[in-house]
Amino acid sequence: MSFDIREIVLGPGEGKKLNAVEHPFTFKAIGSDTDGHYSIFESTLHGGGPGQHIHDNEEEAFYVIEGNLRVLLGEITIEAQAGSFILVPRGTVHTFSRADKNPVKLLVIISPAGFENFFFEAIGEDEVDAVMMAERALDIGHKYGVTFTGPPIG
């Protein structure tokens, strides 16, 4: 079996950026880079997190680089400090938010790849605020196999 995967070397802050005001993204690798196996991006959470949701098609993993992240994972809520890793199996209700007033820097891995297109469509080339991003996410979620099930957590 052969894979069409090429080398990627990116420095700090390099990658495809999406301008969500309270939650900027920098994509380090997307499906076209990994033969569809995974996508990976860095994000800094300055504001609130997404509404509670379920992915039908992907596992999602968070690695906390800086700060303290509150994570709803199924029926439990945990606080993840820098250095923590959380794997969210597909079909699991989840969301996240800052655990305190400080920003949280995350590395997010989604497997298989493809869900990055949700962010590219919801944010696009615009600079969007949290309200606009949430409205767009609700409008297109069904296209990407994500179901929003409840409000964000505070």
C-alpha atoms as a PDB file:
ATOM      1  CA  MET A   1       0.000   0.000   0.000  1.00  0.00           C
ATOM      2  CA  SER A   2       1.338   3.424  -0.853  1.00  0.00           C
ATOM      3  CA  PHE A   3       0.373   6.769   0.575  1.00  0.00           C
ATOM      4  CA  ASP A   4       0.744  10.150  -1.071  1.00  0.00           C
ATOM      5  CA  ILE A   5       1.988  11.979   2.004  1.00  0.00           C
ATOM      6  CA  ARG A   6       4.601  14.709   1.711  1.00  0.00           C
ATOM      7  CA  GLU A   7       6.826  16.294   4.285  1.00  0.00           C
ATOM      8  CA  ILE A   8       5.582  19.389   6.088  1.00  0.00           C
ATOM      9  CA  VAL A   9       7.807  21.606   8.181  1.00  0.00           C
ATOM     10  CA  LEU A  10       6.164  24.656   9.745  1.00  0.00           C
ATOM     11  CA  GLY A  11       7.590  27.078  12.262  1.00  0.00           C
ATOM     12  CA  PRO A  12       5.720  28.683  15.151  1.00  0.00           C
ATOM     13  CA  GLY A  13       2.629  30.497  13.917  1.00  0.00           C
ATOM     14  CA  GLU A  14       2.897  29.084  10.395  1.00  0.00           C
ATOM     15  CA  GLY A  15       0.036  27.295   8.643  1.00  0.00           C
ATOM     16  CA  LYS A  16      -3.360  28.182   7.171  1.00  0.00           C
ATOM     17  CA  LYS A  17      -5.015  30.672   9.494  1.00  0.00           C
ATOM     18  CA  LEU A  18      -8.728  31.184  10.067  1.00  0.00           C
ATOM     19  CA  ASN A  19      -9.796  34.389  11.791  1.00  0.00           C
ATOM     20  CA  ALA A  20     -12.382  33.531  14.388  1.00  0.00           C
ATOM     21  CA  VAL A  21     -12.051  36.483  16.779  1.00  0.00           C
ATOM     22  CA  GLU A  22     -12.336  34.572  20.070  1.00  0.00           C
ATOM     23  CA  HIS A  23     -10.990  31.265  18.761  1.00  0.00           C
ATOM     24  CA  PRO A  24      -8.342  31.660  15.991  1.00  0.00           C
ATOM     25  CA  PHE A  25      -7.165  28.524  14.168  1.00  0.00           C
ATOM     26  CA  THR A  26      -3.844  27.673  12.514  1.00  0.00           C
ATOM     27  CA  PHE A  27      -4.045  24.473  10.479  1.00  0.00           C
ATOM     28  CA  LYS A  28      -0.772  22.544  10.431  1.00  0.00           C
ATOM     29  CA  ALA A  29      -1.948  19.628   8.247  1.00  0.00           C
ATOM     30  CA  ILE A  30      -5.217  18.883   6.483  1.00  0.00           C
ATOM     31  CA  GLY A  31      -6.614  15.842   4.714  1.00  0.00           C
ATOM     32  CA  SER A  32      -4.875  16.610   1.425  1.00  0.00           C
ATOM     33  CA  ASP A  33      -1.554  16.565   3.318  1.00  0.00           C
ATOM     34  CA  THR A  34      -2.207  13.285   5.172  1.00  0.00           C
ATOM     35  CA  ASP A  35      -3.974  11.204   2.530  1.00  0.00           C
ATOM     36  CA  GLY A  36      -7.198  11.762   4.477  1.00  0.00           C
ATOM     37  CA  HIS A  37      -5.969  10.154   7.695  1.00  0.00           C
ATOM     38  CA  TYR A  38      -6.126  13.179  10.004  1.00  0.00           C
ATOM     39  CA  SER A  39      -6.039  16.946  10.265  1.00  0.00           C
ATOM     40  CA  ILE A  40      -4.275  18.884  12.992  1.00  0.00           C
ATOM     41  CA  PHE A  41      -4.572  22.486  14.059  1.00  0.00           C
ATOM     42  CA  GLU A  42      -3.606  24.834  16.825  1.00  0.00           C
ATOM     43  CA  SER A  43      -6.233  27.042  18.387  1.00  0.00           C
ATOM     44  CA  THR A  44      -6.296  29.617  21.136  1.00  0.00           C
ATOM     45  CA  LEU A  45      -9.539  29.971  23.048  1.00  0.00           C
ATOM     46  CA  HIS A  46      -9.984  33.588  24.202  1.00  0.00           C
ATOM     47  CA  GLY A  47     -13.761  33.465  24.588  1.00  0.00           C
ATOM     48  CA  GLY A  48     -16.344  30.754  24.990  1.00  0.00           C
ATOM     49  CA  GLY A  49     -16.287  27.332  23.378  1.00  0.00           C
ATOM     50  CA  PRO A  50     -18.734  25.652  21.015  1.00  0.00           C
ATOM     51  CA  GLY A  51     -22.162  24.346  21.903  1.00  0.00           C
ATOM     52  CA  GLN A  52     -22.434  20.724  22.981  1.00  0.00           C
ATOM     53  CA  HIS A  53     -22.147  18.526  19.926  1.00  0.00           C
ATOM     54  CA  ILE A  54     -21.594  15.044  18.513  1.00  0.00           C
ATOM     55  CA  HIS A  55     -19.412  14.018  15.564  1.00  0.00           C
ATOM     56  CA  ASP A  56     -20.837  11.105  13.579  1.00  0.00           C
ATOM     57  CA  ASN A  57     -17.681  10.450  11.558  1.00  0.00           C
ATOM     58  CA  GLU A  58     -14.572  11.521  13.468  1.00  0.00           C
ATOM     59  CA  GLU A  59     -12.626  11.100  16.646  1.00  0.00           C
ATOM     60  CA  GLU A  60     -11.388  14.405  18.049  1.00  0.00           C
ATOM     61  CA  ALA A  61      -8.426  14.781  20.374  1.00  0.00           C
ATOM     62  CA  PHE A  62      -7.246  17.788  22.371  1.00  0.00           C
ATOM     63  CA  TYR A  63      -3.773  18.377  23.725  1.00  0.00           C
ATOM     64  CA  VAL A  64      -3.670  21.375  26.091  1.00  0.00           C
ATOM     65  CA  ILE A  65      -0.528  23.404  25.417  1.00  0.00           C
ATOM     66  CA  GLU A  66      -1.245  26.345  27.745  1.00  0.00           C
ATOM     67  CA  GLY A  67      -3.986  27.208  30.219  1.00  0.00           C
ATOM     68  CA  ASN A  68      -6.801  25.231  31.805  1.00  0.00           C
ATOM     69  CA  LEU A  69      -9.557  23.718  29.701  1.00  0.00           C
ATOM     70  CA  ARG A  70     -12.959  22.638  31.018  1.00  0.00           C
ATOM     71  CA  VAL A  71     -14.245  19.693  28.976  1.00  0.00           C
ATOM     72  CA  LEU A  72     -17.673  18.094  28.957  1.00  0.00           C
ATOM     73  CA  LEU A  73     -17.118  14.513  27.816  1.00  0.00           C
ATOM     74  CA  GLY A  74     -20.319  12.499  27.737  1.00  0.00           C
ATOM     75  CA  GLU A  75     -21.775  12.940  31.211  1.00  0.00           C
ATOM     76  CA  ILE A  76     -18.594  14.022  32.992  1.00  0.00           C
ATOM     77  CA  THR A  77     -16.904  17.403  33.185  1.00  0.00           C
ATOM     78  CA  ILE A  78     -13.159  17.538  33.701  1.00  0.00           C
ATOM     79  CA  GLU A  79     -10.570  20.254  34.013  1.00  0.00           C
ATOM     80  CA  ALA A  80      -7.549  19.653  31.816  1.00  0.00           C
ATOM     81  CA  GLN A  81      -4.341  21.517  32.609  1.00  0.00           C
ATOM     82  CA  ALA A  82      -1.405  22.158  30.281  1.00  0.00           C
ATOM     83  CA  GLY A  83       0.037  18.815  29.207  1.00  0.00           C
ATOM     84  CA  SER A  84      -3.340  17.039  29.341  1.00  0.00           C
ATOM     85  CA  PHE A  85      -4.661  14.916  26.473  1.00  0.00           C
ATOM     86  CA  ILE A  86      -8.341  14.159  25.862  1.00  0.00           C
ATOM     87  CA  LEU A  87      -9.659  11.751  23.220  1.00  0.00           C
ATOM     88  CA  VAL A  88     -13.321  12.149  22.263  1.00  0.00           C
ATOM     89  CA  PRO A  89     -14.671   9.037  20.493  1.00  0.00           C
ATOM     90  CA  ARG A  90     -17.111   9.664  17.650  1.00  0.00           C
ATOM     91  CA  GLY A  91     -20.710   9.693  18.831  1.00  0.00           C
ATOM     92  CA  THR A  92     -19.813  11.256  22.208  1.00  0.00           C
ATOM     93  CA  VAL A  93     -21.470  14.505  23.315  1.00  0.00           C
ATOM     94  CA  HIS A  94     -18.741  17.006  24.130  1.00  0.00           C
ATOM     95  CA  THR A  95     -17.761  20.633  24.337  1.00  0.00           C
ATOM     96  CA  PHE A  96     -15.111  22.729  26.032  1.00  0.00           C
ATOM     97  CA  SER A  97     -14.454  26.180  27.463  1.00  0.00           C
ATOM     98  CA  ARG A  98     -11.805  28.056  29.370  1.00  0.00           C
ATOM     99  CA  ALA A  99     -11.720  26.948  32.997  1.00  0.00           C
ATOM    100  CA  ASP A 100     -10.727  30.475  34.086  1.00  0.00           C
ATOM    101  CA  LYS A 101     -10.253  33.910  32.490  1.00  0.00           C
ATOM    102  CA  ASN A 102      -6.928  33.024  30.870  1.00  0.00           C
ATOM    103  CA  PRO A 103      -6.651  31.949  27.217  1.00  0.00           C
ATOM    104  CA  VAL A 104      -6.211  28.247  26.450  1.00  0.00           C
ATOM    105  CA  LYS A 105      -3.921  27.089  23.657  1.00  0.00           C
ATOM    106  CA  LEU A 106      -4.827  23.692  22.164  1.00  0.00           C
ATOM    107  CA  LEU A 107      -3.561  21.281  19.592  1.00  0.00           C
ATOM    108  CA  VAL A 108      -6.572  19.538  18.017  1.00  0.00           C
ATOM    109  CA  ILE A 109      -6.344  16.323  16.009  1.00  0.00           C
ATOM    110  CA  ILE A 110      -9.322  15.092  14.002  1.00  0.00           C
ATOM    111  CA  SER A 111      -9.365  11.647  12.413  1.00  0.00           C
ATOM    112  CA  PRO A 112     -10.172  10.858   9.730  1.00  0.00           C
ATOM    113  CA  ALA A 113      -9.614  14.165   7.981  1.00  0.00           C
ATOM    114  CA  GLY A 114     -12.382  16.117   6.286  1.00  0.00           C
ATOM    115  CA  PHE A 115     -13.947  17.955   9.195  1.00  0.00           C
ATOM    116  CA  GLU A 116     -11.467  20.798   8.697  1.00  0.00           C
ATOM    117  CA  ASN A 117     -13.725  21.791   5.778  1.00  0.00           C
ATOM    118  CA  PHE A 118     -16.450  22.587   8.319  1.00  0.00           C
ATOM    119  CA  PHE A 119     -14.176  25.310   9.757  1.00  0.00           C
ATOM    120  CA  PHE A 120     -13.112  26.538   6.318  1.00  0.00           C
ATOM    121  CA  GLU A 121     -16.784  26.962   5.407  1.00  0.00           C
ATOM    122  CA  ALA A 122     -18.025  28.328   8.748  1.00  0.00           C
ATOM    123  CA  ILE A 123     -15.233  30.879   9.039  1.00  0.00           C
ATOM    124  CA  GLY A 124     -13.947  31.285   5.490  1.00  0.00           C
ATOM    125  CA  GLU A 125     -11.766  34.259   4.672  1.00  0.00           C
ATOM    126  CA  ASP A 126     -13.821  36.551   6.910  1.00  0.00           C
ATOM    127  CA  GLU A 127     -13.015  37.693  10.398  1.00  0.00           C
ATOM    128  CA  VAL A 128     -15.962  36.304  12.336  1.00  0.00           C
ATOM    129  CA  ASP A 129     -17.110  36.813  15.893  1.00  0.00           C
ATOM    130  CA  ALA A 130     -18.495  34.057  18.111  1.00  0.00           C
ATOM    131  CA  VAL A 131     -22.137  34.789  17.214  1.00  0.00           C
ATOM    132  CA  MET A 132     -21.521  34.692  13.459  1.00  0.00           C
ATOM    133  CA  MET A 133     -19.429  31.525  13.746  1.00  0.00           C
ATOM    134  CA  ALA A 134     -22.139  29.802  15.832  1.00  0.00           C
ATOM    135  CA  GLU A 135     -24.864  30.778  13.346  1.00  0.00           C
ATOM    136  CA  ARG A 136     -22.837  29.477  10.419  1.00  0.00           C
ATOM    137  CA  ALA A 137     -21.963  26.277  12.327  1.00  0.00           C
ATOM    138  CA  LEU A 138     -25.634  25.547  13.012  1.00  0.00           C
ATOM    139  CA  ASP A 139     -26.490  26.139   9.349  1.00  0.00           C
ATOM    140  CA  ILE A 140     -23.863  23.752   7.945  1.00  0.00           C
ATOM    141  CA  GLY A 141     -23.374  21.179  10.720  1.00  0.00           C
ATOM    142  CA  HIS A 142     -25.529  18.533   9.017  1.00  0.00           C
ATOM    143  CA  LYS A 143     -23.237  18.636   5.948  1.00  0.00           C
ATOM    144  CA  TYR A 144     -20.312  17.530   8.102  1.00  0.00           C
ATOM    145  CA  GLY A 145     -22.017  14.987  10.337  1.00  0.00           C
ATOM    146  CA  VAL A 146     -22.071  17.177  13.442  1.00  0.00           C
ATOM    147  CA  THR A 147     -25.202  17.551  15.561  1.00  0.00           C
ATOM    148  CA  PHE A 148     -25.448  20.346  18.116  1.00  0.00           C
ATOM    149  CA  THR A 149     -27.207  19.025  21.209  1.00  0.00           C
ATOM    150  CA  GLY A 150     -27.000  21.793  23.795  1.00  0.00           C
ATOM    151  CA  PRO A 151     -25.491  25.101  24.855  1.00  0.00           C
ATOM    152  CA  PRO A 152     -21.835  25.837  25.539  1.00  0.00           C
ATOM    153  CA  ILE A 153     -20.541  25.296  29.068  1.00  0.00           C
ATOM    154  CA  GLY A 154     -19.277  28.199  31.152  1.00  0.00           C
END
